[in-house]
C-alpha atoms as a PDB file:
ATOM      1  CA  UNK A   1      -5.721 -13.528  -1.019  1.00  0.00           C
ATOM      2  CA  UNK A   2      -8.864 -11.604  -0.202  1.00  0.00           C
ATOM      3  CA  UNK A   3      -8.926  -7.813   0.167  1.00  0.00           C
ATOM      4  CA  UNK A   4     -11.956  -6.113   1.701  1.00  0.00           C
ATOM      5  CA  UNK A   5     -12.286  -2.342   1.476  1.00  0.00           C
ATOM      6  CA  UNK A   6     -14.362  -0.538   4.100  1.00  0.00           C
ATOM      7  CA  UNK A   7     -15.281   2.710   2.404  1.00  0.00           C
ATOM      8  CA  UNK A   8     -18.104   5.176   1.852  1.00  0.00           C
ATOM      9  CA  UNK A   9     -17.033   5.491  -1.785  1.00  0.00           C
ATOM     10  CA  UNK A  10     -16.355   2.046  -3.325  1.00  0.00           C
ATOM     11  CA  UNK A  11     -16.525   3.436  -6.869  1.00  0.00           C
ATOM     12  CA  UNK A  12     -13.361   5.417  -6.188  1.00  0.00           C
ATOM     13  CA  UNK A  13     -11.537   2.112  -5.786  1.00  0.00           C
ATOM     14  CA  UNK A  14     -13.203  -0.259  -8.266  1.00  0.00           C
ATOM     15  CA  UNK A  15     -11.743   1.353 -11.371  1.00  0.00           C
ATOM     16  CA  UNK A  16      -8.187   0.764 -10.203  1.00  0.00           C
ATOM     17  CA  UNK A  17      -8.675  -2.987 -10.531  1.00  0.00           C
ATOM     18  CA  UNK A  18     -10.126  -2.826 -14.041  1.00  0.00           C
ATOM     19  CA  UNK A  19      -6.764  -2.691 -15.818  1.00  0.00           C
ATOM     20  CA  UNK A  20      -3.275  -4.171 -15.934  1.00  0.00           C
ATOM     21  CA  UNK A  21      -1.606  -6.496 -13.418  1.00  0.00           C
ATOM     22  CA  UNK A  22      -4.208  -6.421 -10.666  1.00  0.00           C
ATOM     23  CA  UNK A  23      -7.018  -7.088 -13.134  1.00  0.00           C
ATOM     24  CA  UNK A  24      -5.161 -10.205 -14.295  1.00  0.00           C
ATOM     25  CA  UNK A  25      -4.523 -11.208 -10.688  1.00  0.00           C
ATOM     26  CA  UNK A  26      -8.271 -11.130 -10.039  1.00  0.00           C
ATOM     27  CA  UNK A  27      -9.047 -13.036 -13.243  1.00  0.00           C
ATOM     28  CA  UNK A  28      -6.460 -15.682 -12.280  1.00  0.00           C
ATOM     29  CA  UNK A  29      -7.889 -15.945  -8.728  1.00  0.00           C
ATOM     30  CA  UNK A  30      -4.633 -14.782  -7.151  1.00  0.00           C
ATOM     31  CA  UNK A  31      -6.501 -12.024  -5.326  1.00  0.00           C
ATOM     32  CA  UNK A  32     -10.119 -11.052  -4.786  1.00  0.00           C
ATOM     33  CA  UNK A  33     -11.636  -7.734  -3.755  1.00  0.00           C
ATOM     34  CA  UNK A  34     -14.939  -6.830  -2.137  1.00  0.00           C
ATOM     35  CA  UNK A  35     -16.463  -3.821  -0.442  1.00  0.00           C
ATOM     36  CA  UNK A  36     -18.306  -2.956   2.761  1.00  0.00           C
ATOM     37  CA  UNK A  37     -19.998   0.437   2.922  1.00  0.00           C
ATOM     38  CA  UNK A  38     -20.631   1.693   6.481  1.00  0.00           C
ATOM     39  CA  UNK A  39     -23.610   3.641   5.156  1.00  0.00           C
ATOM     40  CA  UNK A  40     -25.339   0.296   4.576  1.00  0.00           C
ATOM     41  CA  UNK A  41     -25.013  -0.445   8.306  1.00  0.00           C
ATOM     42  CA  UNK A  42     -26.104   2.859   9.809  1.00  0.00           C
ATOM     43  CA  UNK A  43     -29.197   2.956  12.005  1.00  0.00           C
ATOM     44  CA  UNK A  44     -29.697   6.665  11.366  1.00  0.00           C
ATOM     45  CA  UNK A  45     -32.920   7.245   9.439  1.00  0.00           C
ATOM     46  CA  UNK A  46     -31.117   9.705   7.167  1.00  0.00           C
ATOM     47  CA  UNK A  47     -28.247   7.220   6.651  1.00  0.00           C
ATOM     48  CA  UNK A  48     -25.770   9.634   8.190  1.00  0.00           C
ATOM     49  CA  UNK A  49     -22.382   8.283   9.181  1.00  0.00           C
ATOM     50  CA  UNK A  50     -20.781  11.464  10.555  1.00  0.00           C
ATOM     51  CA  UNK A  51     -21.252  13.854  13.464  1.00  0.00           C
ATOM     52  CA  UNK A  52     -19.526  16.886  15.034  1.00  0.00           C
ATOM     53  CA  UNK A  53     -16.546  16.239  17.282  1.00  0.00           C
ATOM     54  CA  UNK A  54     -17.119  16.275  21.024  1.00  0.00           C
ATOM     55  CA  UNK A  55     -15.182  19.153  22.569  1.00  0.00           C
ATOM     56  CA  UNK A  56     -15.300  21.169  19.378  1.00  0.00           C
ATOM     57  CA  UNK A  57     -13.135  21.250  16.324  1.00  0.00           C
ATOM     58  CA  UNK A  58     -13.446  21.893  12.613  1.00  0.00           C
ATOM     59  CA  UNK A  59     -15.252  19.384  10.426  1.00  0.00           C
ATOM     60  CA  UNK A  60     -17.096  16.143  11.076  1.00  0.00           C
ATOM     61  CA  UNK A  61     -15.990  12.730  12.310  1.00  0.00           C
ATOM     62  CA  UNK A  62     -17.094   9.248  11.265  1.00  0.00           C
ATOM     63  CA  UNK A  63     -19.314   7.943  14.066  1.00  0.00           C
ATOM     64  CA  UNK A  64     -18.813   4.599  15.844  1.00  0.00           C
ATOM     65  CA  UNK A  65     -22.063   2.731  15.161  1.00  0.00           C
ATOM     66  CA  UNK A  66     -21.910   2.267  11.365  1.00  0.00           C
ATOM     67  CA  UNK A  67     -18.225   1.332  11.351  1.00  0.00           C
ATOM     68  CA  UNK A  68     -18.418  -0.943  14.365  1.00  0.00           C
ATOM     69  CA  UNK A  69     -21.403  -2.817  12.930  1.00  0.00           C
ATOM     70  CA  UNK A  70     -19.581  -3.093   9.606  1.00  0.00           C
ATOM     71  CA  UNK A  71     -16.487  -4.574  11.231  1.00  0.00           C
ATOM     72  CA  UNK A  72     -18.578  -6.881  13.408  1.00  0.00           C
ATOM     73  CA  UNK A  73     -20.154  -8.292  10.254  1.00  0.00           C
ATOM     74  CA  UNK A  74     -16.758  -8.756   8.624  1.00  0.00           C
ATOM     75  CA  UNK A  75     -15.524 -10.678  11.654  1.00  0.00           C
ATOM     76  CA  UNK A  76     -18.644 -12.873  11.558  1.00  0.00           C
ATOM     77  CA  UNK A  77     -18.086 -13.583   7.867  1.00  0.00           C
ATOM     78  CA  UNK A  78     -14.324 -14.024   8.253  1.00  0.00           C
ATOM     79  CA  UNK A  79     -13.078 -14.529  11.848  1.00  0.00           C
ATOM     80  CA  UNK A  80      -9.418 -14.489  10.781  1.00  0.00           C
ATOM     81  CA  UNK A  81      -9.711 -11.160   8.905  1.00  0.00           C
ATOM     82  CA  UNK A  82      -6.768  -8.853   9.635  1.00  0.00           C
ATOM     83  CA  UNK A  83      -8.022  -5.279   9.972  1.00  0.00           C
ATOM     84  CA  UNK A  84      -5.804  -2.353   8.966  1.00  0.00           C
ATOM     85  CA  UNK A  85      -6.788   1.289   9.362  1.00  0.00           C
ATOM     86  CA  UNK A  86      -4.981   3.766   7.102  1.00  0.00           C
ATOM     87  CA  UNK A  87      -4.236   7.046   8.835  1.00  0.00           C
ATOM     88  CA  UNK A  88      -1.567   9.764   8.820  1.00  0.00           C
ATOM     89  CA  UNK A  89      -1.397   9.235  12.601  1.00  0.00           C
ATOM     90  CA  UNK A  90       0.517   5.945  12.396  1.00  0.00           C
ATOM     91  CA  UNK A  91       3.803   4.254  11.566  1.00  0.00           C
ATOM     92  CA  UNK A  92       4.946   4.588   7.966  1.00  0.00           C
ATOM     93  CA  UNK A  93       4.058   1.731   5.632  1.00  0.00           C
ATOM     94  CA  UNK A  94       7.184   0.100   4.151  1.00  0.00           C
ATOM     95  CA  UNK A  95       8.146  -2.588   1.651  1.00  0.00           C
ATOM     96  CA  UNK A  96       8.785  -4.961   4.545  1.00  0.00           C
ATOM     97  CA  UNK A  97       5.226  -4.370   5.714  1.00  0.00           C
ATOM     98  CA  UNK A  98       3.913  -5.252   2.261  1.00  0.00           C
ATOM     99  CA  UNK A  99       5.827  -8.545   2.325  1.00  0.00           C
ATOM    100  CA  UNK A 100       4.580  -9.339   5.807  1.00  0.00           C
ATOM    101  CA  UNK A 101       0.957  -8.515   5.054  1.00  0.00           C
ATOM    102  CA  UNK A 102       1.088 -10.606   1.869  1.00  0.00           C
ATOM    103  CA  UNK A 103       1.082 -13.662   4.146  1.00  0.00           C
ATOM    104  CA  UNK A 104      -2.406 -12.842   5.431  1.00  0.00           C
ATOM    105  CA  UNK A 105      -5.365 -14.719   3.958  1.00  0.00           C
ATOM    106  CA  UNK A 106      -7.823 -11.834   4.335  1.00  0.00           C
ATOM    107  CA  UNK A 107      -6.783  -8.205   4.645  1.00  0.00           C
ATOM    108  CA  UNK A 108      -9.375  -5.545   5.542  1.00  0.00           C
ATOM    109  CA  UNK A 109      -8.478  -1.929   4.706  1.00  0.00           C
ATOM    110  CA  UNK A 110     -10.532   0.737   6.478  1.00  0.00           C
ATOM    111  CA  UNK A 111     -10.683   4.148   4.778  1.00  0.00           C
ATOM    112  CA  UNK A 112     -11.528   7.182   6.856  1.00  0.00           C
ATOM    113  CA  UNK A 113     -13.336  10.286   5.608  1.00  0.00           C
ATOM    114  CA  UNK A 114     -14.105  13.801   6.853  1.00  0.00           C
ATOM    115  CA  UNK A 115     -11.756  14.603   9.770  1.00  0.00           C
ATOM    116  CA  UNK A 116     -11.185  10.945  10.543  1.00  0.00           C
ATOM    117  CA  UNK A 117     -12.703   8.140  12.606  1.00  0.00           C
ATOM    118  CA  UNK A 118     -13.922   8.055  16.198  1.00  0.00           C
ATOM    119  CA  UNK A 119     -10.905   6.723  18.093  1.00  0.00           C
ATOM    120  CA  UNK A 120     -12.967   4.083  19.889  1.00  0.00           C
ATOM    121  CA  UNK A 121     -13.496   2.205  16.628  1.00  0.00           C
ATOM    122  CA  UNK A 122      -9.757   2.021  16.057  1.00  0.00           C
ATOM    123  CA  UNK A 123      -9.067   0.919  19.631  1.00  0.00           C
ATOM    124  CA  UNK A 124     -11.648  -1.842  19.384  1.00  0.00           C
ATOM    125  CA  UNK A 125     -10.913  -3.260  15.934  1.00  0.00           C
ATOM    126  CA  UNK A 126      -7.499  -2.258  14.587  1.00  0.00           C
ATOM    127  CA  UNK A 127      -4.987  -5.054  14.222  1.00  0.00           C
ATOM    128  CA  UNK A 128      -2.668  -2.447  12.755  1.00  0.00           C
ATOM    129  CA  UNK A 129      -2.618   1.225  11.723  1.00  0.00           C
ATOM    130  CA  UNK A 130      -0.493   2.372   8.783  1.00  0.00           C
ATOM    131  CA  UNK A 131       0.399   5.681   7.140  1.00  0.00           C
ATOM    132  CA  UNK A 132       1.607   6.093   3.549  1.00  0.00           C
ATOM    133  CA  UNK A 133       3.371   9.358   4.361  1.00  0.00           C
ATOM    134  CA  UNK A 134       3.458  12.648   6.195  1.00  0.00           C
ATOM    135  CA  UNK A 135       0.663  14.363   4.298  1.00  0.00           C
ATOM    136  CA  UNK A 136      -3.131  14.614   4.424  1.00  0.00           C
ATOM    137  CA  UNK A 137      -5.566  13.258   1.822  1.00  0.00           C
ATOM    138  CA  UNK A 138      -9.271  13.992   1.416  1.00  0.00           C
ATOM    139  CA  UNK A 139     -10.005  10.363   2.248  1.00  0.00           C
ATOM    140  CA  UNK A 140      -8.353   7.050   2.994  1.00  0.00           C
ATOM    141  CA  UNK A 141      -9.253   5.335  -0.290  1.00  0.00           C
ATOM    142  CA  UNK A 142      -6.018   6.280  -2.046  1.00  0.00           C
ATOM    143  CA  UNK A 143      -3.975   5.068   0.905  1.00  0.00           C
ATOM    144  CA  UNK A 144      -5.915   1.787   1.000  1.00  0.00           C
ATOM    145  CA  UNK A 145      -5.235   1.251  -2.705  1.00  0.00           C
ATOM    146  CA  UNK A 146      -1.531   1.950  -2.181  1.00  0.00           C
ATOM    147  CA  UNK A 147      -1.345  -0.695   0.533  1.00  0.00           C
ATOM    148  CA  UNK A 148      -3.341  -3.192  -1.538  1.00  0.00           C
ATOM    149  CA  UNK A 149      -1.182  -2.666  -4.625  1.00  0.00           C
ATOM    150  CA  UNK A 150       2.094  -3.012  -2.716  1.00  0.00           C
ATOM    151  CA  UNK A 151       0.912  -6.113  -0.867  1.00  0.00           C
ATOM    152  CA  UNK A 152      -0.524  -7.746  -4.004  1.00  0.00           C
ATOM    153  CA  UNK A 153       2.807  -7.533  -5.826  1.00  0.00           C
ATOM    154  CA  UNK A 154       4.341  -9.728  -3.131  1.00  0.00           C
ATOM    155  CA  UNK A 155       1.777 -12.496  -3.536  1.00  0.00           C
ATOM    156  CA  UNK A 156       3.154 -15.468  -5.459  1.00  0.00           C
ATOM    157  CA  UNK A 157       2.508 -15.388  -9.225  1.00  0.00           C
ATOM    158  CA  UNK A 158       0.831 -11.972  -9.246  1.00  0.00           C
ATOM    159  CA  UNK A 159       3.816 -10.527 -11.132  1.00  0.00           C
ATOM    160  CA  UNK A 160       4.694 -12.193 -14.398  1.00  0.00           C
ATOM    161  CA  UNK A 161       8.382 -12.274 -13.454  1.00  0.00           C
ATOM    162  CA  UNK A 162       8.915 -12.767  -9.734  1.00  0.00           C
ATOM    163  CA  UNK A 163      12.655 -12.094 -10.156  1.00  0.00           C
ATOM    164  CA  UNK A 164      11.835  -8.401 -10.625  1.00  0.00           C
ATOM    165  CA  UNK A 165      10.981  -8.173  -6.929  1.00  0.00           C
ATOM    166  CA  UNK A 166      14.565  -8.870  -5.932  1.00  0.00           C
ATOM    167  CA  UNK A 167      16.001  -5.809  -7.712  1.00  0.00           C
ATOM    168  CA  UNK A 168      13.381  -3.224  -6.802  1.00  0.00           C
ATOM    169  CA  UNK A 169      13.865  -0.250  -4.548  1.00  0.00           C
ATOM    170  CA  UNK A 170      14.077  -0.896  -0.803  1.00  0.00           C
ATOM    171  CA  UNK A 171      15.507  -4.378  -1.200  1.00  0.00           C
ATOM    172  CA  UNK A 172      18.583  -4.451   1.072  1.00  0.00           C
ATOM    173  CA  UNK A 173      17.636  -0.899   2.128  1.00  0.00           C
ATOM    174  CA  UNK A 174      18.684   0.588  -1.209  1.00  0.00           C
ATOM    175  CA  UNK A 175      16.909   2.440  -4.003  1.00  0.00           C
ATOM    176  CA  UNK A 176      16.834   0.667  -7.345  1.00  0.00           C
ATOM    177  CA  UNK A 177      19.749   1.441  -9.647  1.00  0.00           C
ATOM    178  CA  UNK A 178      19.200   3.428 -12.878  1.00  0.00           C
ATOM    179  CA  UNK A 179      17.794   1.391 -15.792  1.00  0.00           C
ATOM    180  CA  UNK A 180      17.980   1.901 -19.559  1.00  0.00           C
ATOM    181  CA  UNK A 181      16.411   0.621 -22.767  1.00  0.00           C
ATOM    182  CA  UNK A 182      17.090   0.918 -26.504  1.00  0.00           C
ATOM    183  CA  UNK A 183      18.202   2.951 -28.381  1.00  0.00           C
ATOM    184  CA  UNK A 184      21.716   3.028 -26.974  1.00  0.00           C
ATOM    185  CA  UNK A 185      22.023   6.719 -27.922  1.00  0.00           C
ATOM    186  CA  UNK A 186      19.079   9.098 -27.834  1.00  0.00           C
ATOM    187  CA  UNK A 187      19.461  12.830 -28.476  1.00  0.00           C
ATOM    188  CA  UNK A 188      23.199  12.495 -27.751  1.00  0.00           C
ATOM    189  CA  UNK A 189      22.576  10.846 -24.370  1.00  0.00           C
ATOM    190  CA  UNK A 190      24.315   7.469 -24.194  1.00  0.00           C
ATOM    191  CA  UNK A 191      23.657   4.395 -22.091  1.00  0.00           C
ATOM    192  CA  UNK A 192      26.531   3.613 -19.699  1.00  0.00           C
ATOM    193  CA  UNK A 193      28.941   1.601 -21.842  1.00  0.00           C
ATOM    194  CA  UNK A 194      29.418  -1.212 -19.311  1.00  0.00           C
ATOM    195  CA  UNK A 195      25.742  -2.116 -19.702  1.00  0.00           C
ATOM    196  CA  UNK A 196      26.348  -2.903 -23.391  1.00  0.00           C
ATOM    197  CA  UNK A 197      29.273  -5.334 -23.000  1.00  0.00           C
ATOM    198  CA  UNK A 198      27.343  -8.381 -21.830  1.00  0.00           C
ATOM    199  CA  UNK A 199      29.471  -9.102 -18.747  1.00  0.00           C
ATOM    200  CA  UNK A 200      26.651  -9.758 -16.280  1.00  0.00           C
ATOM    201  CA  UNK A 201      28.939  -9.986 -13.263  1.00  0.00           C
ATOM    202  CA  UNK A 202      30.363  -6.522 -13.943  1.00  0.00           C
ATOM    203  CA  UNK A 203      26.887  -5.170 -14.701  1.00  0.00           C
ATOM    204  CA  UNK A 204      25.609  -6.489 -11.375  1.00  0.00           C
ATOM    205  CA  UNK A 205      28.502  -4.874  -9.506  1.00  0.00           C
ATOM    206  CA  UNK A 206      27.975  -1.597 -11.342  1.00  0.00           C
ATOM    207  CA  UNK A 207      24.256  -1.599 -10.569  1.00  0.00           C
ATOM    208  CA  UNK A 208      25.014  -2.122  -6.906  1.00  0.00           C
ATOM    209  CA  UNK A 209      27.418   0.838  -6.870  1.00  0.00           C
ATOM    210  CA  UNK A 210      24.902   3.017  -8.712  1.00  0.00           C
ATOM    211  CA  UNK A 211      22.192   1.974  -6.265  1.00  0.00           C
ATOM    212  CA  UNK A 212      24.416   3.062  -3.397  1.00  0.00           C
ATOM    213  CA  UNK A 213      25.099   6.431  -5.069  1.00  0.00           C
ATOM    214  CA  UNK A 214      21.429   7.011  -5.797  1.00  0.00           C
ATOM    215  CA  UNK A 215      20.417   6.092  -2.274  1.00  0.00           C
ATOM    216  CA  UNK A 216      23.104   8.300  -0.734  1.00  0.00           C
ATOM    217  CA  UNK A 217      21.857  11.275  -2.765  1.00  0.00           C
ATOM    218  CA  UNK A 218      18.082  10.855  -2.431  1.00  0.00           C
ATOM    219  CA  UNK A 219      17.720   8.917   0.824  1.00  0.00           C
ATOM    220  CA  UNK A 220      20.735   9.301   3.139  1.00  0.00           C
ATOM    221  CA  UNK A 221      18.688   7.672   5.913  1.00  0.00           C
ATOM    222  CA  UNK A 222      18.390   4.485   3.864  1.00  0.00           C
ATOM    223  CA  UNK A 223      22.013   4.742   2.740  1.00  0.00           C
ATOM    224  CA  UNK A 224      23.225   4.409   6.324  1.00  0.00           C
ATOM    225  CA  UNK A 225      21.100   1.291   6.758  1.00  0.00           C
ATOM    226  CA  UNK A 226      22.322  -0.126   3.439  1.00  0.00           C
ATOM    227  CA  UNK A 227      25.956   0.347   4.413  1.00  0.00           C
ATOM    228  CA  UNK A 228      25.288  -1.407   7.711  1.00  0.00           C
ATOM    229  CA  UNK A 229      23.559  -4.196   5.817  1.00  0.00           C
ATOM    230  CA  UNK A 230      26.621  -4.601   3.584  1.00  0.00           C
ATOM    231  CA  UNK A 231      28.903  -5.020   6.590  1.00  0.00           C
END
């Protein structure tokens, strides 16, 4: 799967793919990443990509021309590219979205800067707009990396053990149950005894109950959905 990042600051993103699972995914040709910088497409002699907002307002806004010409070029290079803008003014990105987007061949992630992007660019080119949460960042690069990471994990063979996907948080609308490792006792804190007895059926049932308890405590909204799912 190909990921293209539209960003004024590609170096903020490149380092994230230099280590660990996503580095291996690139080396194994499971995913590829590339970058388009709107500053390379601007017609402004000073290479500016921002301007004051019409009607007033604090800060600057990314102007249409550089971004539109960038996205035009992407569509010429890759007509089937699926373009996603990351913005706090959007629906919340979920695990189901990451699974769905993992089916795309080419995902384009557009990162805003300053006070955001001229709305006309979004209206013209967005296939989808996603938010990673109800908070504001200094730029969209972090959000784009979050989406890329979550989507990549759902691409076949990117994870060494694909079975781990089935027990993660948000599967069946539940948070993941507590997990433990050796030693069995550490500073007088013991692992739940049932986990040590080797009865995998009982362990599975216990994990499901613990997942329900954890979800009810931390995410009562998900708990209601999980209970409905169970029925």
